[in-house]
Amino acid sequence: MQKKDISVGLDIGTTKIVAMIGKKNENGKLEVIAMGKARSLGVHRGVVTNIVQTIDSIKAAIEDAERQADLKINSVTVGIAGQHIRSLQHSDYITRTNADDVINDRDIDALVANVHKLVMLPGEEIIHVLPQEFRIDGQTDIHEPRGMYGGRLETNFHIVVGQVASIKNIGRCVKDAGLEVADITLEPLASADAVLSQEEKEAGVVLVDIGGGTSDVAIFKDGIIRHTAVIPFGGNVITDDIKEGLSIIEKQAELLKIKFGSAWPGENNDNEIVSIPGLRGREPKEITLRNLSKIINARMIEIIEQVYEEIKNYGHEVQSKKLIAGLVLTGGGSQLKHIKQLVEYVTGMDTRIGFPNEHLANVGFEEELSSPQFATAVGLVLKGMEKAELRTPAVSDPKAEKIEALLPKEPEPVIEEPVKEEVEAKQIQPKKRQNFFDSWADKFKRFLDSDE
């Protein structure tokens, strides 16, 4: 196993931080070899609100993963989300100097460089520039322009933009935890790599990653990313609603949501009751499951309606009919009971739950990888694999480094300077220069004499 075949993904979520180490097996597929987890402190709705607490949480997750894999983590592929993320469409072109040369990577890079010159709103920065369809001299619907001829190269771009301060805060937390940021990736794009098939992306599909603080949306059609959005509501908002609506503490509300919660209120009867222990000797509180599901249902409908609004913003009112593969739900919130039925009822689109183990060849962590809440972490590892050749090794072996430090180093070869040759050259050089000027003076004198 080579170090370049190992990738580390760091998912900095609102409720948890996951450091996942993966490697390529002999068949070229991803195999997870370690998964460090820690409770996320200092992150609210995908945005860092407390630097010190976030650094401590990252260190705890990294140390857990290093202990499992017996490797030292050097660099990570970090996911970014949050309500500050927005996306936009942009068209640009370049005129090539020589249309007889084939289009190559330099031309694509020149197009992307043009996009990075765009003026964003104050405090914003471009995170991703994703080319879509290309046009060459008016010819449309070109997905791969490399190797073709043409003078004018045009394309549509999907641009993802975020707040500079939020991006820098994440980078600082990672660096202060002793790590190098290999790459920053939008979390819904990472989750899409983990749970979507190429056939679904071709047919048209909407990925909805319901996390703790946000719900991320990514729409694909014809194998191309078409639209991304971040909705500032997630599982934590549902927990807060349960806490306020039933007058219980947050820990009890979270447990109720996970164990007894349902997104479909008609599923429970009025006589189904859960007893919650009272605080410090107080009487237990009885809660009906129907009331619990009504609270969850109301918030989930709000989230789903915002997702459906993003689908309509992508295209027309009937655009959902063109997305043949429907909706794929992932993230911790997708584990809520009967959520698939509620989404189909509200949107009228076919829906399935996306699991991150669909593209893995794994022999360990079967329970974790069968849970949608780790889809982003798996996707970040896959993203890191794509750029493994272009970055420093993500991990190193502490034992090998210690052994290498103890080995005697070979003495560096001594290169002798050719002193004599330099001296001779210096002696010859003025002589040649003198001969040149002497001959030129003689010619000039003969020229003057001939005029006379």
Protein backbone atom coordinates (compact mmCIF):
# COMPACT_ATOMS: atom_id res chain seq x y z
CA MET A 1 0.00 0.00 0.00
CA GLN A 2 1.44 3.34 -1.08
CA LYS A 3 0.83 6.62 0.71
CA LYS A 4 -0.55 8.21 -2.45
CA ASP A 5 -3.35 5.62 -2.45
CA ILE A 6 -4.56 6.81 0.98
CA SER A 7 -6.96 9.74 1.44
CA VAL A 8 -8.39 11.43 4.52
CA GLY A 9 -11.74 13.21 4.61
CA LEU A 10 -12.72 15.61 7.41
CA ASP A 11 -16.44 16.30 7.80
CA ILE A 12 -16.91 19.29 10.12
CA GLY A 13 -20.62 19.05 10.85
CA THR A 14 -22.93 20.79 13.27
CA THR A 15 -23.51 17.73 15.46
CA LYS A 16 -20.40 15.62 14.80
CA ILE A 17 -16.91 15.75 13.31
CA VAL A 18 -15.73 12.70 11.37
CA ALA A 19 -12.17 11.96 10.23
CA MET A 20 -12.21 9.06 7.77
CA ILE A 21 -9.15 7.34 6.29
CA GLY A 22 -9.60 5.33 3.11
CA LYS A 23 -7.35 3.47 0.70
CA LYS A 24 -7.62 1.92 -2.73
CA ASN A 25 -7.74 -1.86 -2.71
CA GLU A 26 -6.30 -4.11 -5.39
CA ASN A 27 -9.39 -3.55 -7.57
CA GLY A 28 -9.11 0.24 -7.35
CA LYS A 29 -12.15 0.59 -5.07
CA LEU A 30 -12.27 2.52 -1.80
CA GLU A 31 -11.87 0.69 1.48
CA VAL A 32 -12.31 2.54 4.78
CA ILE A 33 -9.53 1.63 7.23
CA ALA A 34 -10.27 4.07 10.08
CA MET A 35 -13.07 6.36 11.21
CA GLY A 36 -12.55 8.83 14.04
CA LYS A 37 -15.58 10.57 15.53
CA ALA A 38 -16.03 13.41 18.00
CA ARG A 39 -18.90 15.57 19.16
CA SER A 40 -18.93 18.86 17.28
CA LEU A 41 -18.56 21.86 19.56
CA GLY A 42 -18.32 25.39 18.23
CA VAL A 43 -20.17 24.85 14.91
CA HIS A 44 -23.67 26.22 14.28
CA ARG A 45 -25.53 25.54 11.02
CA GLY A 46 -22.30 24.57 9.30
CA VAL A 47 -20.46 27.75 10.34
CA VAL A 48 -17.66 27.92 12.93
CA THR A 49 -18.77 30.01 15.90
CA ASN A 50 -16.08 29.01 18.41
CA ILE A 51 -12.54 28.48 17.11
CA VAL A 52 -11.08 26.85 20.24
CA GLN A 53 -13.90 24.31 20.69
CA THR A 54 -13.83 23.39 17.00
CA ILE A 55 -10.06 22.82 17.07
CA ASP A 56 -10.42 20.54 20.11
CA SER A 57 -13.17 18.54 18.39
CA ILE A 58 -11.10 18.16 15.22
CA LYS A 59 -8.08 16.99 17.23
CA ALA A 60 -10.22 14.41 19.06
CA ALA A 61 -11.58 12.97 15.79
CA ILE A 62 -8.13 12.94 14.14
CA GLU A 63 -6.47 11.24 17.11
CA ASP A 64 -9.20 8.60 17.15
CA ALA A 65 -8.63 7.84 13.43
CA GLU A 66 -4.81 7.81 13.84
CA ARG A 67 -5.07 5.36 16.71
CA GLN A 68 -7.25 2.98 14.70
CA ALA A 69 -5.06 3.06 11.58
CA ASP A 70 -1.68 3.43 13.36
CA LEU A 71 -0.83 6.21 10.91
CA LYS A 72 -0.02 9.89 11.23
CA ILE A 73 -2.47 12.16 9.35
CA ASN A 74 -0.78 15.05 7.51
CA SER A 75 -3.45 16.52 5.22
CA VAL A 76 -7.22 16.30 4.84
CA THR A 77 -9.93 17.05 2.31
CA VAL A 78 -12.37 19.31 4.14
CA GLY A 79 -16.07 19.71 3.50
CA ILE A 80 -17.75 23.11 3.60
CA ALA A 81 -21.43 23.99 3.89
CA GLY A 82 -23.48 26.57 5.79
CA GLN A 83 -26.14 29.15 5.07
CA HIS A 84 -23.53 31.52 3.59
CA ILE A 85 -23.14 29.28 0.51
CA ARG A 86 -24.84 30.32 -2.72
CA SER A 87 -24.52 29.33 -6.37
CA LEU A 88 -24.92 31.10 -9.71
CA GLN A 89 -24.71 30.41 -13.45
CA HIS A 90 -22.25 32.20 -15.74
CA SER A 91 -21.26 31.95 -19.42
CA ASP A 92 -17.80 32.82 -20.72
CA TYR A 93 -15.60 32.29 -23.79
CA ILE A 94 -12.07 32.59 -25.14
CA THR A 95 -10.84 33.21 -28.68
CA ARG A 96 -7.95 30.89 -29.49
CA THR A 97 -4.95 32.31 -31.35
CA ASN A 98 -4.57 29.26 -33.57
CA ALA A 99 -7.70 27.36 -34.51
CA ASP A 100 -5.59 24.65 -36.18
CA ASP A 101 -4.26 23.49 -32.81
CA VAL A 102 -6.37 21.03 -30.84
CA ILE A 103 -8.12 22.23 -27.68
CA ASN A 104 -6.25 21.11 -24.56
CA ASP A 105 -6.14 21.65 -20.79
CA ARG A 106 -4.55 25.09 -21.19
CA ASP A 107 -7.64 26.34 -22.99
CA ILE A 108 -9.95 25.01 -20.28
CA ASP A 109 -7.74 26.55 -17.60
CA ALA A 110 -7.87 29.88 -19.43
CA LEU A 111 -11.66 29.75 -19.38
CA VAL A 112 -11.72 28.97 -15.66
CA ALA A 113 -9.21 31.76 -15.00
CA ASN A 114 -11.59 34.22 -16.67
CA VAL A 115 -14.34 33.20 -14.26
CA HIS A 116 -12.09 33.78 -11.24
CA LYS A 117 -11.77 37.42 -12.38
CA LEU A 118 -15.47 38.00 -11.75
CA VAL A 119 -16.28 40.54 -9.05
CA MET A 120 -18.24 38.91 -6.22
CA LEU A 121 -20.23 40.62 -3.47
CA PRO A 122 -18.15 42.15 -0.64
CA GLY A 123 -16.73 39.43 1.60
CA GLU A 124 -17.42 36.58 -0.85
CA GLU A 125 -15.05 34.15 -2.53
CA ILE A 126 -15.41 31.58 -5.32
CA ILE A 127 -15.17 28.00 -4.00
CA HIS A 128 -15.92 25.93 -7.13
CA VAL A 129 -16.01 26.68 -10.86
CA LEU A 130 -17.74 23.71 -12.52
CA PRO A 131 -17.89 23.66 -16.35
CA GLN A 132 -21.10 22.36 -17.93
CA GLU A 133 -21.79 22.14 -21.68
CA PHE A 134 -19.23 23.54 -24.11
CA ARG A 135 -19.71 25.26 -27.48
CA ILE A 136 -17.05 25.35 -30.20
CA ASP A 137 -17.57 27.81 -33.07
CA GLY A 138 -21.33 27.66 -32.51
CA GLN A 139 -21.54 23.86 -32.21
CA THR A 140 -23.47 23.08 -29.01
CA ASP A 141 -23.91 20.18 -26.56
CA ILE A 142 -20.22 19.29 -26.37
CA HIS A 143 -19.30 17.61 -23.08
CA GLU A 144 -15.60 16.94 -23.81
CA PRO A 145 -13.88 19.60 -25.97
CA ARG A 146 -10.31 18.34 -25.53
CA GLY A 147 -8.82 17.10 -28.79
CA MET A 148 -11.24 19.05 -30.96
CA TYR A 149 -10.48 21.97 -33.30
CA GLY A 150 -11.98 25.43 -33.11
CA GLY A 151 -11.32 29.15 -32.72
CA ARG A 152 -14.00 30.21 -30.22
CA LEU A 153 -14.49 28.09 -27.11
CA GLU A 154 -17.53 28.85 -24.91
CA THR A 155 -19.04 27.16 -21.86
CA ASN A 156 -21.62 27.54 -19.11
CA PHE A 157 -20.28 27.46 -15.57
CA HIS A 158 -21.90 26.56 -12.29
CA ILE A 159 -20.17 28.73 -9.68
CA VAL A 160 -20.30 28.06 -5.93
CA VAL A 161 -19.62 31.09 -3.73
CA GLY A 162 -19.10 31.40 0.02
CA GLN A 163 -18.16 33.96 2.65
CA VAL A 164 -14.39 34.52 2.91
CA ALA A 165 -14.48 34.76 6.70
CA SER A 166 -16.28 31.42 7.10
CA ILE A 167 -13.86 29.68 4.71
CA LYS A 168 -10.83 31.15 6.50
CA ASN A 169 -12.20 30.13 9.91
CA ILE A 170 -12.48 26.51 8.79
CA GLY A 171 -8.98 26.64 7.31
CA ARG A 172 -7.57 28.10 10.51
CA CYS A 173 -9.23 25.41 12.67
CA VAL A 174 -7.74 22.66 10.49
CA LYS A 175 -4.24 24.21 10.44
CA ASP A 176 -4.24 24.91 14.18
CA ALA A 177 -5.10 21.23 14.67
CA GLY A 178 -1.76 20.43 13.01
CA LEU A 179 -3.12 19.51 9.57
CA GLU A 180 -2.72 20.71 6.01
CA VAL A 181 -5.80 21.50 3.90
CA ALA A 182 -5.39 19.43 0.73
CA ASP A 183 -8.67 20.64 -0.75
CA ILE A 184 -12.00 22.23 0.21
CA THR A 185 -15.14 20.69 -1.29
CA LEU A 186 -18.79 21.65 -1.11
CA GLU A 187 -20.44 18.98 1.05
CA PRO A 188 -23.43 18.16 -1.21
CA LEU A 189 -20.99 17.46 -4.07
CA ALA A 190 -19.08 15.07 -1.81
CA SER A 191 -22.28 13.37 -0.64
CA ALA A 192 -23.37 12.97 -4.27
CA ASP A 193 -20.18 11.03 -5.06
CA ALA A 194 -20.94 8.68 -2.17
CA VAL A 195 -24.60 7.84 -2.80
CA LEU A 196 -25.46 8.58 -6.45
CA SER A 197 -24.80 6.41 -9.48
CA GLN A 198 -23.75 7.78 -12.86
CA GLU A 199 -27.04 6.53 -14.32
CA GLU A 200 -29.00 8.64 -11.84
CA LYS A 201 -26.93 11.72 -12.67
CA GLU A 202 -27.59 11.15 -16.36
CA ALA A 203 -31.34 10.66 -15.90
CA GLY A 204 -31.75 13.65 -13.57
CA VAL A 205 -31.73 13.45 -9.78
CA VAL A 206 -31.99 15.68 -6.70
CA LEU A 207 -29.71 14.90 -3.76
CA VAL A 208 -30.94 16.16 -0.38
CA ASP A 209 -28.46 15.79 2.49
CA ILE A 210 -30.34 16.50 5.73
CA GLY A 211 -27.64 17.23 8.28
CA GLY A 212 -27.75 18.51 11.83
CA GLY A 213 -27.58 22.23 11.02
CA THR A 214 -28.36 22.49 7.29
CA SER A 215 -30.02 20.62 4.45
CA ASP A 216 -27.85 20.59 1.31
CA VAL A 217 -29.32 20.26 -2.18
CA ALA A 218 -27.56 19.24 -5.41
CA ILE A 219 -29.34 18.72 -8.74
CA PHE A 220 -27.78 16.68 -11.57
CA LYS A 221 -28.99 16.25 -15.15
CA ASP A 222 -27.20 14.69 -18.15
CA GLY A 223 -24.34 13.78 -15.82
CA ILE A 224 -23.65 17.45 -15.00
CA ILE A 225 -24.19 19.45 -11.81
CA ARG A 226 -26.98 21.93 -12.52
CA HIS A 227 -27.86 23.56 -9.22
CA THR A 228 -26.68 23.61 -5.60
CA ALA A 229 -28.22 25.21 -2.53
CA VAL A 230 -27.94 25.14 1.26
CA ILE A 231 -31.14 25.39 3.32
CA PRO A 232 -30.46 26.67 6.88
CA PHE A 233 -32.61 24.01 8.56
CA GLY A 234 -31.70 20.49 9.65
CA GLY A 235 -32.19 17.91 12.34
CA ASN A 236 -31.26 20.26 15.17
CA VAL A 237 -34.21 22.53 14.36
CA ILE A 238 -36.56 19.56 14.73
CA THR A 239 -34.98 18.76 18.10
CA ASP A 240 -35.46 22.38 19.22
CA ASP A 241 -39.12 22.25 18.18
CA ILE A 242 -39.65 19.06 20.22
CA LYS A 243 -37.90 20.62 23.21
CA GLU A 244 -40.05 23.76 23.10
CA GLY A 245 -43.30 22.05 22.15
CA LEU A 246 -43.14 19.36 24.85
CA SER A 247 -41.26 21.42 27.49
CA ILE A 248 -38.41 18.93 27.92
CA ILE A 249 -34.63 19.23 27.87
CA GLU A 250 -32.61 18.93 24.64
CA LYS A 251 -31.11 15.53 25.45
CA GLN A 252 -34.58 14.03 26.00
CA ALA A 253 -35.89 15.67 22.81
CA GLU A 254 -33.06 14.18 20.73
CA LEU A 255 -33.65 10.69 22.16
CA LEU A 256 -37.39 10.96 21.52
CA LYS A 257 -36.77 11.99 17.91
CA ILE A 258 -34.36 9.12 17.24
CA LYS A 259 -36.26 6.31 19.02
CA PHE A 260 -39.93 7.22 18.59
CA GLY A 261 -40.04 10.05 16.05
CA SER A 262 -42.00 9.76 12.82
CA ALA A 263 -42.52 12.20 9.95
CA TRP A 264 -46.03 10.83 9.33
CA PRO A 265 -48.49 11.75 12.14
CA GLY A 266 -51.24 9.34 11.06
CA GLU A 267 -48.99 6.40 11.95
CA ASN A 268 -49.46 6.73 15.71
CA ASN A 269 -52.56 6.30 17.87
CA ASP A 270 -53.57 8.60 20.72
CA ASN A 271 -53.07 5.84 23.27
CA GLU A 272 -49.36 5.39 22.40
CA ILE A 273 -47.57 7.18 25.23
CA VAL A 274 -43.92 7.58 26.26
CA SER A 275 -42.99 8.44 29.85
CA ILE A 276 -40.10 10.90 30.32
CA PRO A 277 -38.32 10.85 33.72
CA GLY A 278 -38.74 14.08 35.70
CA LEU A 279 -35.83 16.31 36.67
CA ARG A 280 -34.43 15.99 40.21
CA GLY A 281 -37.28 14.05 41.74
CA ARG A 282 -40.11 15.68 39.79
CA GLU A 283 -43.01 13.66 38.44
CA PRO A 284 -42.45 11.85 35.11
CA LYS A 285 -43.97 13.48 32.03
CA GLU A 286 -46.17 11.49 29.66
CA ILE A 287 -45.98 12.34 25.95
CA THR A 288 -48.19 10.93 23.20
CA LEU A 289 -46.38 9.78 20.07
CA ARG A 290 -49.05 11.43 17.93
CA ASN A 291 -48.15 14.87 19.33
CA LEU A 292 -44.46 14.09 18.83
CA SER A 293 -44.98 13.14 15.18
CA LYS A 294 -47.11 16.27 14.57
CA ILE A 295 -44.24 18.49 15.70
CA ILE A 296 -41.75 16.60 13.51
CA ASN A 297 -44.15 16.57 10.55
CA ALA A 298 -44.69 20.34 10.61
CA ARG A 299 -40.95 21.12 10.49
CA MET A 300 -40.16 18.42 7.92
CA ILE A 301 -42.85 19.75 5.57
CA GLU A 302 -41.23 23.19 5.81
CA ILE A 303 -37.82 21.74 4.90
CA ILE A 304 -39.23 19.65 2.04
CA GLU A 305 -41.13 22.62 0.62
CA GLN A 306 -37.94 24.69 0.57
CA VAL A 307 -36.18 21.82 -1.23
CA TYR A 308 -38.99 21.71 -3.78
CA GLU A 309 -38.71 25.47 -4.22
CA GLU A 310 -35.02 25.02 -5.12
CA ILE A 311 -36.02 22.39 -7.68
CA LYS A 312 -38.44 24.87 -9.27
CA ASN A 313 -35.79 27.60 -9.18
CA TYR A 314 -33.49 25.31 -11.15
CA GLY A 315 -35.95 25.15 -14.05
CA HIS A 316 -39.66 25.39 -14.64
CA GLU A 317 -42.66 24.30 -12.65
CA VAL A 318 -42.68 21.00 -14.53
CA GLN A 319 -38.91 20.49 -14.20
CA SER A 320 -39.46 17.78 -11.58
CA LYS A 321 -40.98 15.59 -14.29
CA LYS A 322 -37.70 15.75 -16.22
CA LEU A 323 -35.72 14.52 -13.20
CA ILE A 324 -36.44 10.86 -13.86
CA ALA A 325 -34.42 9.48 -10.94
CA GLY A 326 -36.37 11.62 -8.46
CA LEU A 327 -35.01 12.43 -5.01
CA VAL A 328 -32.28 10.73 -3.00
CA LEU A 329 -32.23 11.47 0.73
CA THR A 330 -29.09 11.11 2.80
CA GLY A 331 -27.58 12.53 5.99
CA GLY A 332 -28.63 11.86 9.58
CA GLY A 333 -32.07 13.39 9.07
CA SER A 334 -32.95 10.85 6.38
CA GLN A 335 -33.07 8.14 9.07
CA LEU A 336 -36.30 9.60 10.42
CA LYS A 337 -39.12 7.08 10.21
CA HIS A 338 -41.53 7.47 7.25
CA ILE A 339 -39.63 10.42 5.79
CA LYS A 340 -39.56 8.76 2.36
CA GLN A 341 -43.36 8.61 2.28
CA LEU A 342 -43.69 12.25 3.38
CA VAL A 343 -41.27 13.50 0.70
CA GLU A 344 -43.11 11.59 -2.02
CA TYR A 345 -46.43 12.98 -0.75
CA VAL A 346 -45.24 16.63 -0.75
CA THR A 347 -43.19 16.61 -3.98
CA GLY A 348 -44.82 13.86 -6.02
CA MET A 349 -41.34 12.59 -6.96
CA ASP A 350 -39.91 9.10 -6.52
CA THR A 351 -37.69 8.99 -3.45
CA ARG A 352 -35.13 6.63 -2.00
CA ILE A 353 -32.65 6.69 0.91
CA GLY A 354 -28.99 6.93 -0.16
CA PHE A 355 -26.45 4.81 1.71
CA PRO A 356 -22.71 5.53 1.48
CA ASN A 357 -21.69 1.86 1.22
CA GLU A 358 -23.01 1.52 -2.33
CA HIS A 359 -19.66 2.33 -3.98
CA LEU A 360 -17.36 0.79 -1.36
CA ALA A 361 -15.58 -2.54 -1.11
CA ASN A 362 -15.34 -2.64 2.66
CA VAL A 363 -14.65 -5.39 5.16
CA GLY A 364 -14.98 -3.23 8.29
CA PHE A 365 -17.24 -0.51 9.69
CA GLU A 366 -20.30 -2.20 8.14
CA GLU A 367 -22.67 -0.68 10.70
CA GLU A 368 -21.36 2.88 10.30
CA LEU A 369 -21.16 2.78 6.50
CA SER A 370 -24.73 1.51 6.25
CA SER A 371 -25.87 4.76 7.89
CA PRO A 372 -26.63 7.79 5.67
CA GLN A 373 -25.12 10.18 8.23
CA PHE A 374 -21.59 9.26 7.08
CA ALA A 375 -22.23 9.93 3.38
CA THR A 376 -20.37 13.27 3.38
CA ALA A 377 -17.27 11.77 5.02
CA VAL A 378 -17.14 8.95 2.45
CA GLY A 379 -17.57 11.46 -0.37
CA LEU A 380 -14.72 13.61 0.94
CA VAL A 381 -12.41 10.58 0.95
CA LEU A 382 -13.42 9.86 -2.65
CA LYS A 383 -12.75 13.51 -3.60
CA GLY A 384 -9.33 13.26 -1.99
CA MET A 385 -8.57 10.15 -4.04
CA GLU A 386 -9.22 12.07 -7.26
CA LYS A 387 -6.42 14.55 -6.47
CA ALA A 388 -4.08 12.13 -4.70
CA GLU A 389 -1.43 12.47 -7.40
CA LEU A 390 -1.33 16.27 -7.09
CA ARG A 391 -0.85 16.69 -3.35
CA THR A 392 1.44 15.73 -0.49
CA PRO A 393 0.79 12.31 1.11
CA ALA A 394 -2.26 12.44 3.38
CA VAL A 395 -0.67 10.10 5.94
CA SER A 396 2.75 8.97 7.07
CA ASP A 397 3.96 6.00 9.09
CA PRO A 398 5.46 7.14 12.43
CA LYS A 399 7.37 3.87 12.85
CA ALA A 400 8.94 4.12 9.41
CA GLU A 401 9.97 7.73 10.06
CA LYS A 402 11.69 6.76 13.32
CA ILE A 403 13.57 3.92 11.65
CA GLU A 404 14.59 6.17 8.76
CA ALA A 405 15.93 8.76 11.20
CA LEU A 406 18.15 6.14 12.88
CA LEU A 407 19.66 4.84 9.63
CA PRO A 408 23.12 6.24 8.72
CA LYS A 409 22.91 8.74 5.92
CA GLU A 410 25.17 8.43 2.90
CA PRO A 411 27.73 11.23 2.63
CA GLU A 412 26.92 13.74 -0.05
CA PRO A 413 29.27 13.55 -3.07
CA VAL A 414 31.91 16.30 -3.20
CA ILE A 415 31.94 18.11 -6.52
CA GLU A 416 35.32 19.61 -7.38
CA GLU A 417 35.26 22.96 -9.10
CA PRO A 418 37.16 23.13 -12.47
CA VAL A 419 39.42 25.95 -11.30
CA LYS A 420 42.11 25.57 -13.98
CA GLU A 421 39.64 25.69 -16.85
CA GLU A 422 38.11 28.90 -15.56
CA VAL A 423 41.58 30.55 -15.28
CA GLU A 424 42.49 29.52 -18.80
CA ALA A 425 39.18 30.81 -20.10
CA LYS A 426 39.75 34.17 -18.46
CA GLN A 427 43.21 34.38 -20.03
CA ILE A 428 41.98 33.53 -23.49
CA GLN A 429 38.89 35.74 -23.42
CA PRO A 430 40.65 39.16 -23.33
CA LYS A 431 43.02 38.04 -26.08
CA LYS A 432 40.12 37.17 -28.38
CA ARG A 433 38.41 40.46 -27.60
CA GLN A 434 41.67 42.39 -28.41
CA ASN A 435 42.04 40.63 -31.75
CA PHE A 436 38.47 41.48 -32.63
CA PHE A 437 38.89 45.20 -31.98
CA ASP A 438 42.26 45.31 -33.74
CA SER A 439 40.85 43.77 -36.90
CA TRP A 440 37.81 46.08 -36.81
CA ALA A 441 40.11 49.17 -36.46
CA ASP A 442 42.23 48.09 -39.46
CA LYS A 443 39.12 47.68 -41.62
CA PHE A 444 37.80 51.08 -40.57
CA LYS A 445 41.17 52.74 -41.34
CA ARG A 446 41.23 51.14 -44.82
CA PHE A 447 37.71 52.41 -45.42
CA LEU A 448 38.77 56.01 -44.64
CA ASP A 449 41.88 55.77 -46.85
CA SER A 450 39.81 54.55 -49.77
CA ASP A 451 37.55 57.62 -49.56
CA GLU A 452 40.56 59.88 -49.90
